[in-house]
Amino acid sequence: MQCVLPMLCLTAFATVIGTWLYTSREMYSVGYVVYNIAILWTSISAGLYLSAFVISEIMAQQVGAKNQNRDFALLAYSSVAAYIVIIIVSWLPFFKEFLVLAFYSCYLYWTGIPHIINVEGQKRMIYTLLSFIIIAVVHFLMFFLFGNILRAILI
């Protein structure tokens, strides 16, 4: 939480600044800004918690490693690179090509598995692939499910 909360606050701040600077004044409204912040917060925070929970439960069956706190810590610390890229692109939307740099979080996740989760060898590859699939599905569901609900309420 010491890592996630500051990054969530920074992404919210970057969203407000980016929306204020680069959105036409006809589209800019309080509801639009709150919608963007709510989408980021729900997809990132709920996505991290749900991903860590699902990864912990599934990995207990697949590779014998179950520790939700360690899974969350690994997800949180490896996601910092993606948060920083989101902040930069929120402030400077004409650099959207830099979103590719968010994949550095995947590398951080891969290198953190043996140190934090203590999974080695073939199990590490299985753990990584299943984790990426789970993370992608959970974040996709969070973004689109909550996105559509929040869009209907706030905009």
N, C-alpha and C. Protein backbone atom coordinates (compact mmCIF):
# COMPACT_ATOMS: atom_id res chain seq x y z
N MET A 1 0.82 -1.20 0.00
CA MET A 1 0.00 0.00 0.00
C MET A 1 0.86 1.26 0.00
N GLN A 2 2.08 1.17 0.56
CA GLN A 2 2.95 2.34 0.57
C GLN A 2 3.37 2.71 -0.84
N CYS A 3 3.32 1.79 -1.75
CA CYS A 3 3.70 2.04 -3.13
C CYS A 3 2.48 2.37 -3.98
N VAL A 4 1.39 1.67 -3.74
CA VAL A 4 0.21 1.79 -4.60
C VAL A 4 -0.51 3.12 -4.40
N LEU A 5 -0.73 3.53 -3.15
CA LEU A 5 -1.49 4.76 -2.90
C LEU A 5 -0.84 6.01 -3.49
N PRO A 6 0.46 6.23 -3.32
CA PRO A 6 1.05 7.41 -3.96
C PRO A 6 0.95 7.37 -5.48
N MET A 7 1.10 6.19 -6.06
CA MET A 7 1.01 6.09 -7.52
C MET A 7 -0.42 6.34 -7.99
N LEU A 8 -1.41 5.88 -7.23
CA LEU A 8 -2.80 6.16 -7.58
C LEU A 8 -3.10 7.65 -7.50
N CYS A 9 -2.57 8.29 -6.47
CA CYS A 9 -2.78 9.74 -6.33
C CYS A 9 -2.10 10.50 -7.47
N LEU A 10 -0.90 10.08 -7.83
CA LEU A 10 -0.20 10.73 -8.95
C LEU A 10 -0.92 10.52 -10.27
N THR A 11 -1.46 9.32 -10.51
CA THR A 11 -2.20 9.10 -11.75
C THR A 11 -3.48 9.92 -11.78
N ALA A 12 -4.14 10.07 -10.65
CA ALA A 12 -5.34 10.91 -10.59
C ALA A 12 -4.98 12.37 -10.88
N PHE A 13 -3.91 12.85 -10.26
CA PHE A 13 -3.47 14.22 -10.49
C PHE A 13 -3.08 14.42 -11.96
N ALA A 14 -2.36 13.46 -12.53
CA ALA A 14 -1.97 13.56 -13.94
C ALA A 14 -3.18 13.54 -14.85
N THR A 15 -4.19 12.78 -14.49
CA THR A 15 -5.41 12.74 -15.29
C THR A 15 -6.12 14.09 -15.27
N VAL A 16 -6.20 14.70 -14.11
CA VAL A 16 -6.84 16.01 -14.01
C VAL A 16 -6.08 17.04 -14.83
N ILE A 17 -4.77 17.07 -14.68
CA ILE A 17 -3.95 18.04 -15.42
C ILE A 17 -4.04 17.77 -16.93
N GLY A 18 -3.90 16.50 -17.32
CA GLY A 18 -3.97 16.17 -18.74
C GLY A 18 -5.32 16.47 -19.35
N THR A 19 -6.39 16.20 -18.62
CA THR A 19 -7.73 16.51 -19.12
C THR A 19 -7.92 18.01 -19.23
N TRP A 20 -7.45 18.74 -18.24
CA TRP A 20 -7.60 20.18 -18.25
C TRP A 20 -6.81 20.82 -19.39
N LEU A 21 -5.62 20.31 -19.67
CA LEU A 21 -4.78 20.91 -20.70
C LEU A 21 -5.17 20.52 -22.12
N TYR A 22 -5.60 19.28 -22.33
CA TYR A 22 -5.71 18.77 -23.69
C TYR A 22 -7.12 18.42 -24.13
N THR A 23 -8.12 18.67 -23.32
CA THR A 23 -9.48 18.39 -23.72
C THR A 23 -10.15 19.71 -24.08
N SER A 24 -10.94 19.69 -25.14
CA SER A 24 -11.62 20.92 -25.53
C SER A 24 -12.56 21.37 -24.42
N ARG A 25 -12.78 22.64 -24.32
CA ARG A 25 -13.57 23.20 -23.22
C ARG A 25 -15.04 22.76 -23.27
N GLU A 26 -15.54 22.37 -24.45
CA GLU A 26 -16.91 21.88 -24.54
C GLU A 26 -17.05 20.53 -23.85
N MET A 27 -16.00 19.69 -23.92
CA MET A 27 -16.06 18.36 -23.34
C MET A 27 -15.66 18.35 -21.87
N TYR A 28 -14.93 19.36 -21.46
CA TYR A 28 -14.39 19.37 -20.10
C TYR A 28 -15.51 19.65 -19.11
N SER A 29 -15.71 18.77 -18.20
CA SER A 29 -16.69 18.96 -17.14
C SER A 29 -16.19 18.22 -15.91
N VAL A 30 -16.78 18.52 -14.79
CA VAL A 30 -16.40 17.85 -13.55
C VAL A 30 -16.69 16.36 -13.65
N GLY A 31 -17.83 16.02 -14.24
CA GLY A 31 -18.19 14.61 -14.40
C GLY A 31 -17.19 13.86 -15.26
N TYR A 32 -16.68 14.52 -16.30
CA TYR A 32 -15.70 13.88 -17.18
C TYR A 32 -14.39 13.62 -16.45
N VAL A 33 -13.94 14.57 -15.65
CA VAL A 33 -12.71 14.41 -14.88
C VAL A 33 -12.89 13.33 -13.82
N VAL A 34 -14.00 13.36 -13.10
CA VAL A 34 -14.27 12.35 -12.07
C VAL A 34 -14.36 10.97 -12.72
N TYR A 35 -14.97 10.90 -13.89
CA TYR A 35 -15.06 9.63 -14.62
C TYR A 35 -13.67 9.08 -14.93
N ASN A 36 -12.78 9.91 -15.46
CA ASN A 36 -11.42 9.46 -15.78
C ASN A 36 -10.66 9.00 -14.54
N ILE A 37 -10.79 9.75 -13.46
CA ILE A 37 -10.12 9.37 -12.22
C ILE A 37 -10.70 8.06 -11.68
N ALA A 38 -12.02 7.94 -11.70
CA ALA A 38 -12.66 6.74 -11.17
C ALA A 38 -12.28 5.51 -11.99
N ILE A 39 -12.18 5.66 -13.30
CA ILE A 39 -11.77 4.54 -14.15
C ILE A 39 -10.36 4.09 -13.79
N LEU A 40 -9.44 5.05 -13.66
CA LEU A 40 -8.07 4.70 -13.30
C LEU A 40 -8.01 4.03 -11.93
N TRP A 41 -8.67 4.60 -10.96
CA TRP A 41 -8.60 4.05 -9.61
C TRP A 41 -9.22 2.67 -9.52
N THR A 42 -10.37 2.48 -10.13
CA THR A 42 -11.00 1.16 -10.04
C THR A 42 -10.23 0.12 -10.82
N SER A 43 -9.78 0.48 -12.03
CA SER A 43 -9.07 -0.51 -12.82
C SER A 43 -7.71 -0.85 -12.23
N ILE A 44 -7.05 0.12 -11.63
CA ILE A 44 -5.72 -0.14 -11.07
C ILE A 44 -5.83 -0.78 -9.68
N SER A 45 -6.54 -0.13 -8.77
CA SER A 45 -6.56 -0.65 -7.40
C SER A 45 -7.35 -1.94 -7.28
N ALA A 46 -8.57 -1.95 -7.78
CA ALA A 46 -9.36 -3.19 -7.71
C ALA A 46 -8.72 -4.26 -8.58
N GLY A 47 -8.14 -3.87 -9.70
CA GLY A 47 -7.46 -4.83 -10.56
C GLY A 47 -6.28 -5.47 -9.87
N LEU A 48 -5.51 -4.68 -9.11
CA LEU A 48 -4.38 -5.24 -8.37
C LEU A 48 -4.85 -6.21 -7.29
N TYR A 49 -5.83 -5.81 -6.52
CA TYR A 49 -6.32 -6.67 -5.44
C TYR A 49 -6.92 -7.96 -5.97
N LEU A 50 -7.80 -7.83 -6.96
CA LEU A 50 -8.43 -9.03 -7.52
C LEU A 50 -7.42 -9.94 -8.21
N SER A 51 -6.48 -9.33 -8.93
CA SER A 51 -5.46 -10.13 -9.60
C SER A 51 -4.63 -10.90 -8.59
N ALA A 52 -4.21 -10.23 -7.52
CA ALA A 52 -3.41 -10.90 -6.50
C ALA A 52 -4.20 -12.03 -5.85
N PHE A 53 -5.47 -11.81 -5.59
CA PHE A 53 -6.30 -12.85 -4.98
C PHE A 53 -6.45 -14.05 -5.91
N VAL A 54 -6.78 -13.78 -7.18
CA VAL A 54 -6.99 -14.88 -8.13
C VAL A 54 -5.68 -15.62 -8.40
N ILE A 55 -4.59 -14.88 -8.56
CA ILE A 55 -3.29 -15.51 -8.79
C ILE A 55 -2.92 -16.39 -7.60
N SER A 56 -3.14 -15.90 -6.40
CA SER A 56 -2.81 -16.67 -5.21
C SER A 56 -3.61 -17.97 -5.15
N GLU A 57 -4.89 -17.89 -5.46
CA GLU A 57 -5.73 -19.09 -5.40
C GLU A 57 -5.39 -20.09 -6.50
N ILE A 58 -5.21 -19.62 -7.70
CA ILE A 58 -4.92 -20.53 -8.81
C ILE A 58 -3.52 -21.11 -8.70
N MET A 59 -2.57 -20.28 -8.29
CA MET A 59 -1.20 -20.76 -8.21
C MET A 59 -1.03 -21.77 -7.08
N ALA A 60 -1.87 -21.70 -6.08
CA ALA A 60 -1.80 -22.70 -5.01
C ALA A 60 -2.09 -24.09 -5.58
N GLN A 61 -2.94 -24.14 -6.57
CA GLN A 61 -3.28 -25.43 -7.20
C GLN A 61 -2.25 -25.83 -8.26
N GLN A 62 -1.74 -24.87 -9.00
CA GLN A 62 -0.86 -25.18 -10.13
C GLN A 62 0.59 -25.42 -9.73
N VAL A 63 1.16 -24.50 -8.97
CA VAL A 63 2.59 -24.60 -8.65
C VAL A 63 2.87 -24.73 -7.16
N GLY A 64 1.83 -24.75 -6.36
CA GLY A 64 2.02 -24.95 -4.93
C GLY A 64 2.48 -23.72 -4.18
N ALA A 65 2.33 -22.55 -4.75
CA ALA A 65 2.76 -21.32 -4.08
C ALA A 65 1.53 -20.46 -3.82
N LYS A 66 1.17 -20.29 -2.54
CA LYS A 66 0.03 -19.46 -2.21
C LYS A 66 0.43 -18.50 -1.10
N ASN A 67 0.45 -17.23 -1.45
CA ASN A 67 0.69 -16.18 -0.49
C ASN A 67 0.19 -14.89 -1.10
N GLN A 68 -1.02 -14.49 -0.73
CA GLN A 68 -1.65 -13.34 -1.34
C GLN A 68 -0.87 -12.05 -1.07
N ASN A 69 -0.29 -11.92 0.10
CA ASN A 69 0.48 -10.71 0.41
C ASN A 69 1.70 -10.58 -0.50
N ARG A 70 2.39 -11.68 -0.72
CA ARG A 70 3.56 -11.63 -1.61
C ARG A 70 3.14 -11.40 -3.06
N ASP A 71 2.04 -12.01 -3.47
CA ASP A 71 1.55 -11.79 -4.84
C ASP A 71 1.18 -10.32 -5.03
N PHE A 72 0.52 -9.73 -4.04
CA PHE A 72 0.16 -8.32 -4.14
C PHE A 72 1.40 -7.43 -4.16
N ALA A 73 2.38 -7.75 -3.32
CA ALA A 73 3.61 -6.95 -3.29
C ALA A 73 4.33 -7.01 -4.63
N LEU A 74 4.40 -8.20 -5.20
CA LEU A 74 5.06 -8.34 -6.51
C LEU A 74 4.31 -7.56 -7.57
N LEU A 75 3.00 -7.65 -7.59
CA LEU A 75 2.20 -6.90 -8.56
C LEU A 75 2.35 -5.40 -8.36
N ALA A 76 2.31 -4.96 -7.13
CA ALA A 76 2.39 -3.52 -6.85
C ALA A 76 3.74 -2.94 -7.26
N TYR A 77 4.82 -3.60 -6.88
CA TYR A 77 6.13 -3.05 -7.19
C TYR A 77 6.49 -3.17 -8.67
N SER A 78 6.04 -4.23 -9.31
CA SER A 78 6.34 -4.35 -10.74
C SER A 78 5.47 -3.41 -11.57
N SER A 79 4.36 -2.95 -11.03
CA SER A 79 3.47 -2.06 -11.78
C SER A 79 3.91 -0.60 -11.77
N VAL A 80 4.90 -0.27 -10.97
CA VAL A 80 5.34 1.12 -10.86
C VAL A 80 5.76 1.68 -12.22
N ALA A 81 6.44 0.89 -13.02
CA ALA A 81 6.86 1.36 -14.35
C ALA A 81 5.65 1.70 -15.21
N ALA A 82 4.62 0.88 -15.15
CA ALA A 82 3.40 1.16 -15.92
C ALA A 82 2.71 2.43 -15.41
N TYR A 83 2.70 2.63 -14.08
CA TYR A 83 2.11 3.85 -13.52
C TYR A 83 2.83 5.09 -14.02
N ILE A 84 4.14 5.03 -14.03
CA ILE A 84 4.92 6.19 -14.47
C ILE A 84 4.65 6.49 -15.94
N VAL A 85 4.55 5.47 -16.76
CA VAL A 85 4.23 5.68 -18.18
C VAL A 85 2.84 6.28 -18.33
N ILE A 86 1.88 5.81 -17.55
CA ILE A 86 0.52 6.37 -17.61
C ILE A 86 0.52 7.83 -17.21
N ILE A 87 1.30 8.18 -16.20
CA ILE A 87 1.38 9.58 -15.77
C ILE A 87 1.96 10.44 -16.88
N ILE A 88 3.04 9.99 -17.50
CA ILE A 88 3.67 10.76 -18.57
C ILE A 88 2.72 10.94 -19.74
N VAL A 89 2.05 9.87 -20.14
CA VAL A 89 1.13 9.97 -21.27
C VAL A 89 -0.10 10.81 -20.92
N SER A 90 -0.51 10.82 -19.65
CA SER A 90 -1.62 11.68 -19.24
C SER A 90 -1.25 13.15 -19.35
N TRP A 91 -0.01 13.47 -19.00
CA TRP A 91 0.43 14.85 -19.10
C TRP A 91 0.78 15.24 -20.53
N LEU A 92 1.33 14.32 -21.27
CA LEU A 92 1.77 14.59 -22.63
C LEU A 92 1.15 13.58 -23.58
N PRO A 93 -0.13 13.75 -23.93
CA PRO A 93 -0.83 12.71 -24.70
C PRO A 93 -0.28 12.51 -26.11
N PHE A 94 0.52 13.43 -26.61
CA PHE A 94 1.08 13.26 -27.94
C PHE A 94 2.25 12.28 -27.92
N PHE A 95 2.61 11.74 -26.75
CA PHE A 95 3.62 10.70 -26.64
C PHE A 95 3.00 9.34 -26.34
N LYS A 96 1.87 9.04 -26.94
CA LYS A 96 1.17 7.78 -26.67
C LYS A 96 2.00 6.57 -27.07
N GLU A 97 2.96 6.75 -27.95
CA GLU A 97 3.83 5.64 -28.33
C GLU A 97 4.65 5.13 -27.17
N PHE A 98 4.84 5.97 -26.15
CA PHE A 98 5.60 5.57 -24.97
C PHE A 98 4.86 4.54 -24.12
N LEU A 99 3.60 4.27 -24.42
CA LEU A 99 2.86 3.25 -23.67
C LEU A 99 3.53 1.88 -23.79
N VAL A 100 4.32 1.69 -24.83
CA VAL A 100 5.06 0.44 -24.99
C VAL A 100 6.03 0.23 -23.82
N LEU A 101 6.53 1.31 -23.25
CA LEU A 101 7.46 1.21 -22.13
C LEU A 101 6.81 0.60 -20.89
N ALA A 102 5.49 0.55 -20.85
CA ALA A 102 4.80 -0.06 -19.72
C ALA A 102 5.10 -1.56 -19.63
N PHE A 103 5.54 -2.15 -20.73
CA PHE A 103 5.88 -3.58 -20.72
C PHE A 103 7.13 -3.86 -19.87
N TYR A 104 7.83 -2.82 -19.47
CA TYR A 104 8.95 -3.01 -18.55
C TYR A 104 8.45 -3.60 -17.23
N SER A 105 7.18 -3.32 -16.90
CA SER A 105 6.57 -3.93 -15.72
C SER A 105 6.55 -5.45 -15.82
N CYS A 106 6.38 -5.96 -17.03
CA CYS A 106 6.40 -7.42 -17.22
C CYS A 106 7.78 -7.98 -16.88
N TYR A 107 8.81 -7.28 -17.31
CA TYR A 107 10.17 -7.71 -16.99
C TYR A 107 10.42 -7.67 -15.48
N LEU A 108 9.96 -6.60 -14.83
CA LEU A 108 10.12 -6.51 -13.38
C LEU A 108 9.37 -7.63 -12.68
N TYR A 109 8.20 -7.98 -13.18
CA TYR A 109 7.43 -9.08 -12.60
C TYR A 109 8.20 -10.39 -12.75
N TRP A 110 8.71 -10.63 -13.96
CA TRP A 110 9.47 -11.86 -14.24
C TRP A 110 10.69 -11.99 -13.34
N THR A 111 11.44 -10.90 -13.19
CA THR A 111 12.64 -10.97 -12.37
C THR A 111 12.33 -11.01 -10.87
N GLY A 112 11.15 -10.56 -10.47
CA GLY A 112 10.79 -10.56 -9.06
C GLY A 112 10.23 -11.88 -8.55
N ILE A 113 9.78 -12.74 -9.46
CA ILE A 113 9.15 -13.99 -9.04
C ILE A 113 10.08 -14.86 -8.18
N PRO A 114 11.31 -15.13 -8.60
CA PRO A 114 12.14 -15.99 -7.75
C PRO A 114 12.51 -15.37 -6.41
N HIS A 115 12.57 -14.05 -6.35
CA HIS A 115 12.98 -13.38 -5.13
C HIS A 115 11.83 -13.20 -4.13
N ILE A 116 10.65 -12.93 -4.63
CA ILE A 116 9.53 -12.65 -3.74
C ILE A 116 8.64 -13.87 -3.53
N ILE A 117 8.38 -14.61 -4.59
CA ILE A 117 7.46 -15.75 -4.52
C ILE A 117 8.19 -17.06 -4.28
N ASN A 118 9.46 -17.11 -4.59
CA ASN A 118 10.27 -18.34 -4.46
C ASN A 118 9.79 -19.45 -5.38
N VAL A 119 9.55 -19.11 -6.63
CA VAL A 119 9.17 -20.09 -7.65
C VAL A 119 10.29 -20.10 -8.68
N GLU A 120 10.83 -21.26 -8.98
CA GLU A 120 11.97 -21.39 -9.90
C GLU A 120 11.63 -22.33 -11.05
N GLY A 121 12.46 -22.29 -12.08
CA GLY A 121 12.42 -23.25 -13.19
C GLY A 121 11.14 -23.22 -14.00
N GLN A 122 10.66 -24.43 -14.33
CA GLN A 122 9.47 -24.58 -15.16
C GLN A 122 8.24 -23.96 -14.50
N LYS A 123 8.18 -24.06 -13.18
CA LYS A 123 7.04 -23.48 -12.46
C LYS A 123 7.01 -21.96 -12.59
N ARG A 124 8.17 -21.35 -12.73
CA ARG A 124 8.24 -19.89 -12.90
C ARG A 124 7.59 -19.48 -14.21
N MET A 125 7.83 -20.24 -15.29
CA MET A 125 7.22 -19.92 -16.58
C MET A 125 5.70 -20.09 -16.51
N ILE A 126 5.24 -21.17 -15.90
CA ILE A 126 3.80 -21.39 -15.74
C ILE A 126 3.19 -20.28 -14.90
N TYR A 127 3.86 -19.95 -13.81
CA TYR A 127 3.38 -18.90 -12.92
C TYR A 127 3.27 -17.58 -13.66
N THR A 128 4.27 -17.24 -14.45
CA THR A 128 4.28 -15.98 -15.18
C THR A 128 3.18 -15.94 -16.23
N LEU A 129 3.06 -16.97 -17.04
CA LEU A 129 2.04 -16.97 -18.09
C LEU A 129 0.63 -16.91 -17.52
N LEU A 130 0.37 -17.74 -16.51
CA LEU A 130 -0.96 -17.69 -15.89
C LEU A 130 -1.22 -16.35 -15.22
N SER A 131 -0.21 -15.79 -14.60
CA SER A 131 -0.37 -14.48 -13.96
C SER A 131 -0.70 -13.40 -14.98
N PHE A 132 0.00 -13.38 -16.10
CA PHE A 132 -0.27 -12.36 -17.11
C PHE A 132 -1.66 -12.50 -17.69
N ILE A 133 -2.11 -13.73 -17.89
CA ILE A 133 -3.47 -13.94 -18.39
C ILE A 133 -4.48 -13.44 -17.37
N ILE A 134 -4.28 -13.79 -16.12
CA ILE A 134 -5.20 -13.36 -15.05
C ILE A 134 -5.21 -11.84 -14.93
N ILE A 135 -4.04 -11.23 -14.93
CA ILE A 135 -3.94 -9.78 -14.80
C ILE A 135 -4.64 -9.09 -15.97
N ALA A 136 -4.42 -9.58 -17.18
CA ALA A 136 -5.05 -8.97 -18.35
C ALA A 136 -6.57 -9.08 -18.30
N VAL A 137 -7.07 -10.25 -17.95
CA VAL A 137 -8.52 -10.45 -17.90
C VAL A 137 -9.15 -9.60 -16.80
N VAL A 138 -8.55 -9.59 -15.62
CA VAL A 138 -9.11 -8.82 -14.50
C VAL A 138 -9.10 -7.32 -14.81
N HIS A 139 -7.99 -6.80 -15.33
CA HIS A 139 -7.94 -5.37 -15.65
C HIS A 139 -8.89 -5.02 -16.79
N PHE A 140 -9.01 -5.89 -17.77
CA PHE A 140 -9.96 -5.67 -18.86
C PHE A 140 -11.39 -5.58 -18.31
N LEU A 141 -11.75 -6.53 -17.45
CA LEU A 141 -13.09 -6.52 -16.87
C LEU A 141 -13.31 -5.29 -15.99
N MET A 142 -12.32 -4.93 -15.20
CA MET A 142 -12.45 -3.74 -14.34
C MET A 142 -12.63 -2.49 -15.19
N PHE A 143 -11.81 -2.34 -16.21
CA PHE A 143 -11.85 -1.14 -17.02
C PHE A 143 -13.17 -1.01 -17.76
N PHE A 144 -13.62 -2.07 -18.41
CA PHE A 144 -14.83 -1.97 -19.21
C PHE A 144 -16.11 -2.11 -18.40
N LEU A 145 -16.11 -2.96 -17.40
CA LEU A 145 -17.31 -3.11 -16.58
C LEU A 145 -17.57 -1.84 -15.78
N PHE A 146 -16.59 -1.42 -15.00
CA PHE A 146 -16.77 -0.20 -14.22
C PHE A 146 -16.79 1.03 -15.12
N GLY A 147 -16.08 0.98 -16.23
CA GLY A 147 -16.08 2.11 -17.15
C GLY A 147 -17.47 2.40 -17.69
N ASN A 148 -18.17 1.37 -18.10
CA ASN A 148 -19.52 1.59 -18.63
C ASN A 148 -20.50 2.02 -17.54
N ILE A 149 -20.36 1.44 -16.36
CA ILE A 149 -21.25 1.85 -15.25
C ILE A 149 -20.98 3.29 -14.87
N LEU A 150 -19.71 3.65 -14.70
CA LEU A 150 -19.36 5.02 -14.30
C LEU A 150 -19.68 6.03 -15.40
N ARG A 151 -19.54 5.65 -16.65
CA ARG A 151 -19.88 6.55 -17.75
C ARG A 151 -21.37 6.87 -17.69
N ALA A 152 -22.20 5.87 -17.42
CA ALA A 152 -23.64 6.10 -17.35
C ALA A 152 -24.00 7.00 -16.17
N ILE A 153 -23.26 6.89 -15.08
CA ILE A 153 -23.59 7.67 -13.89
C ILE A 153 -23.04 9.09 -13.97
N LEU A 154 -21.79 9.25 -14.42
CA LEU A 154 -21.11 10.53 -14.30
C LEU A 154 -21.16 11.42 -15.54
N ILE A 155 -21.34 10.85 -16.69
CA ILE A 155 -21.30 11.69 -17.90
C ILE A 155 -22.67 11.77 -18.52
